[in-house]
Amino acid sequence: MSTRKVTLNCAHIKESDLAVVDDLARMQLEARRCGCKVRLEDVSNELLELICFAGLDGALCVEVQRQPEEWEQPGGVEEERELDDPPL
């Protein structure tokens, strides 16, 4: 029996509190009982922190969409030289 997957877009959730986390956990539990799996997407950082705080980050499948990291541009090429001998 294959597990059906349902995606829940959480972008519309304006206020994040433990009641929302409780509702999401109950929804996931009921979906599993029916042979489905709920995946959360577009989860705000605040809601994600609450899910992790409640210890449900493993139970609730959260698809995290992070911004790419900003890499520093190289400042230039350093001159090659030999290292000094370490002091004794």
C-alpha atoms as a PDB file:
ATOM      1  CA  MET A   1       0.000   0.000   0.000  1.00  0.00           C
ATOM      2  CA  SER A   2       1.538   3.318  -1.064  1.00  0.00           C
ATOM      3  CA  THR A   3       1.272   6.405   1.085  1.00  0.00           C
ATOM      4  CA  ARG A   4      -0.554   9.325  -0.484  1.00  0.00           C
ATOM      5  CA  LYS A   5       1.044  12.702   0.111  1.00  0.00           C
ATOM      6  CA  VAL A   6      -0.849  15.914   0.702  1.00  0.00           C
ATOM      7  CA  THR A   7       0.878  19.299   0.643  1.00  0.00           C
ATOM      8  CA  LEU A   8      -0.398  22.005   2.969  1.00  0.00           C
ATOM      9  CA  ASN A   9       0.672  25.560   2.159  1.00  0.00           C
ATOM     10  CA  CYS A  10       1.117  27.390   5.477  1.00  0.00           C
ATOM     11  CA  ALA A  11       1.724  30.849   3.983  1.00  0.00           C
ATOM     12  CA  HIS A  12      -1.761  31.972   5.012  1.00  0.00           C
ATOM     13  CA  ILE A  13      -1.125  31.347   8.724  1.00  0.00           C
ATOM     14  CA  LYS A  14      -0.718  34.852  10.157  1.00  0.00           C
ATOM     15  CA  GLU A  15      -0.286  34.196  13.879  1.00  0.00           C
ATOM     16  CA  SER A  16       1.875  31.291  14.984  1.00  0.00           C
ATOM     17  CA  ASP A  17       1.196  29.808  18.387  1.00  0.00           C
ATOM     18  CA  LEU A  18       1.130  26.391  20.006  1.00  0.00           C
ATOM     19  CA  ALA A  19      -2.564  25.998  19.135  1.00  0.00           C
ATOM     20  CA  VAL A  20      -1.587  26.064  15.442  1.00  0.00           C
ATOM     21  CA  VAL A  21       1.169  23.510  16.089  1.00  0.00           C
ATOM     22  CA  ASP A  22      -1.370  21.331  17.925  1.00  0.00           C
ATOM     23  CA  ASP A  23      -3.807  21.560  14.995  1.00  0.00           C
ATOM     24  CA  LEU A  24      -1.062  20.629  12.516  1.00  0.00           C
ATOM     25  CA  ALA A  25       0.021  17.667  14.644  1.00  0.00           C
ATOM     26  CA  ARG A  26      -3.565  16.411  14.929  1.00  0.00           C
ATOM     27  CA  MET A  27      -4.013  16.805  11.173  1.00  0.00           C
ATOM     28  CA  GLN A  28      -0.841  14.793  10.539  1.00  0.00           C
ATOM     29  CA  LEU A  29      -1.983  12.070  12.950  1.00  0.00           C
ATOM     30  CA  GLU A  30      -5.397  11.772  11.313  1.00  0.00           C
ATOM     31  CA  ALA A  31      -3.824  11.721   7.853  1.00  0.00           C
ATOM     32  CA  ARG A  32      -1.524   8.866   8.897  1.00  0.00           C
ATOM     33  CA  ARG A  33      -4.507   6.922  10.186  1.00  0.00           C
ATOM     34  CA  CYS A  34      -6.047   7.289   6.724  1.00  0.00           C
ATOM     35  CA  GLY A  35      -2.849   6.198   4.988  1.00  0.00           C
ATOM     36  CA  CYS A  36      -1.734   9.689   3.963  1.00  0.00           C
ATOM     37  CA  LYS A  37       1.140  11.941   4.856  1.00  0.00           C
ATOM     38  CA  VAL A  38       0.863  15.722   5.160  1.00  0.00           C
ATOM     39  CA  ARG A  39       3.824  17.827   4.052  1.00  0.00           C
ATOM     40  CA  LEU A  40       3.999  21.457   5.174  1.00  0.00           C
ATOM     41  CA  GLU A  41       5.424  24.102   2.853  1.00  0.00           C
ATOM     42  CA  ASP A  42       5.915  27.874   3.038  1.00  0.00           C
ATOM     43  CA  VAL A  43       6.231  27.647   6.814  1.00  0.00           C
ATOM     44  CA  SER A  44       7.223  30.916   8.490  1.00  0.00           C
ATOM     45  CA  ASN A  45      10.370  30.997  10.609  1.00  0.00           C
ATOM     46  CA  GLU A  46       8.261  31.691  13.690  1.00  0.00           C
ATOM     47  CA  LEU A  47       6.064  28.641  13.110  1.00  0.00           C
ATOM     48  CA  LEU A  48       9.081  26.485  12.299  1.00  0.00           C
ATOM     49  CA  GLU A  49      10.719  27.519  15.586  1.00  0.00           C
ATOM     50  CA  LEU A  50       7.536  26.601  17.499  1.00  0.00           C
ATOM     51  CA  ILE A  51       7.359  23.209  15.761  1.00  0.00           C
ATOM     52  CA  CYS A  52      10.983  22.527  16.728  1.00  0.00           C
ATOM     53  CA  PHE A  53      10.390  23.813  20.271  1.00  0.00           C
ATOM     54  CA  ALA A  54       7.482  21.386  20.652  1.00  0.00           C
ATOM     55  CA  GLY A  55       9.725  18.553  19.433  1.00  0.00           C
ATOM     56  CA  LEU A  56       7.491  17.841  16.449  1.00  0.00           C
ATOM     57  CA  ASP A  57       9.936  18.663  13.674  1.00  0.00           C
ATOM     58  CA  GLY A  58      10.437  14.943  13.063  1.00  0.00           C
ATOM     59  CA  ALA A  59       6.728  14.119  13.094  1.00  0.00           C
ATOM     60  CA  LEU A  60       5.596  17.043  10.962  1.00  0.00           C
ATOM     61  CA  CYS A  61       7.141  16.975   7.508  1.00  0.00           C
ATOM     62  CA  VAL A  62       8.251  20.534   6.884  1.00  0.00           C
ATOM     63  CA  GLU A  63       9.704  21.558   3.553  1.00  0.00           C
ATOM     64  CA  VAL A  64      12.026  24.409   4.368  1.00  0.00           C
ATOM     65  CA  GLN A  65      12.639  26.909   1.608  1.00  0.00           C
ATOM     66  CA  ARG A  66      15.637  28.947   2.657  1.00  0.00           C
ATOM     67  CA  GLN A  67      17.187  31.899   0.945  1.00  0.00           C
ATOM     68  CA  PRO A  68      20.562  31.137  -0.626  1.00  0.00           C
ATOM     69  CA  GLU A  69      23.498  32.270   1.456  1.00  0.00           C
ATOM     70  CA  GLU A  70      25.313  35.378   0.425  1.00  0.00           C
ATOM     71  CA  TRP A  71      28.923  34.548  -0.286  1.00  0.00           C
ATOM     72  CA  GLU A  72      31.621  37.127   0.073  1.00  0.00           C
ATOM     73  CA  GLN A  73      33.341  38.108  -3.090  1.00  0.00           C
ATOM     74  CA  PRO A  74      37.030  37.315  -3.078  1.00  0.00           C
ATOM     75  CA  GLY A  75      39.069  40.409  -2.299  1.00  0.00           C
ATOM     76  CA  GLY A  76      41.975  39.495  -4.490  1.00  0.00           C
ATOM     77  CA  VAL A  77      44.857  37.095  -4.725  1.00  0.00           C
ATOM     78  CA  GLU A  78      47.296  36.886  -1.843  1.00  0.00           C
ATOM     79  CA  GLU A  79      50.961  36.798  -2.615  1.00  0.00           C
ATOM     80  CA  GLU A  80      52.562  33.384  -2.262  1.00  0.00           C
ATOM     81  CA  ARG A  81      55.410  33.156   0.239  1.00  0.00           C
ATOM     82  CA  GLU A  82      57.163  30.639   2.441  1.00  0.00           C
ATOM     83  CA  LEU A  83      56.108  30.291   6.029  1.00  0.00           C
ATOM     84  CA  ASP A  84      58.566  31.189   8.771  1.00  0.00           C
ATOM     85  CA  ASP A  85      60.038  28.403  10.884  1.00  0.00           C
ATOM     86  CA  PRO A  86      58.123  27.965  14.149  1.00  0.00           C
ATOM     87  CA  PRO A  87      59.917  29.092  17.312  1.00  0.00           C
ATOM     88  CA  LEU A  88      61.547  26.379  19.409  1.00  0.00           C
END
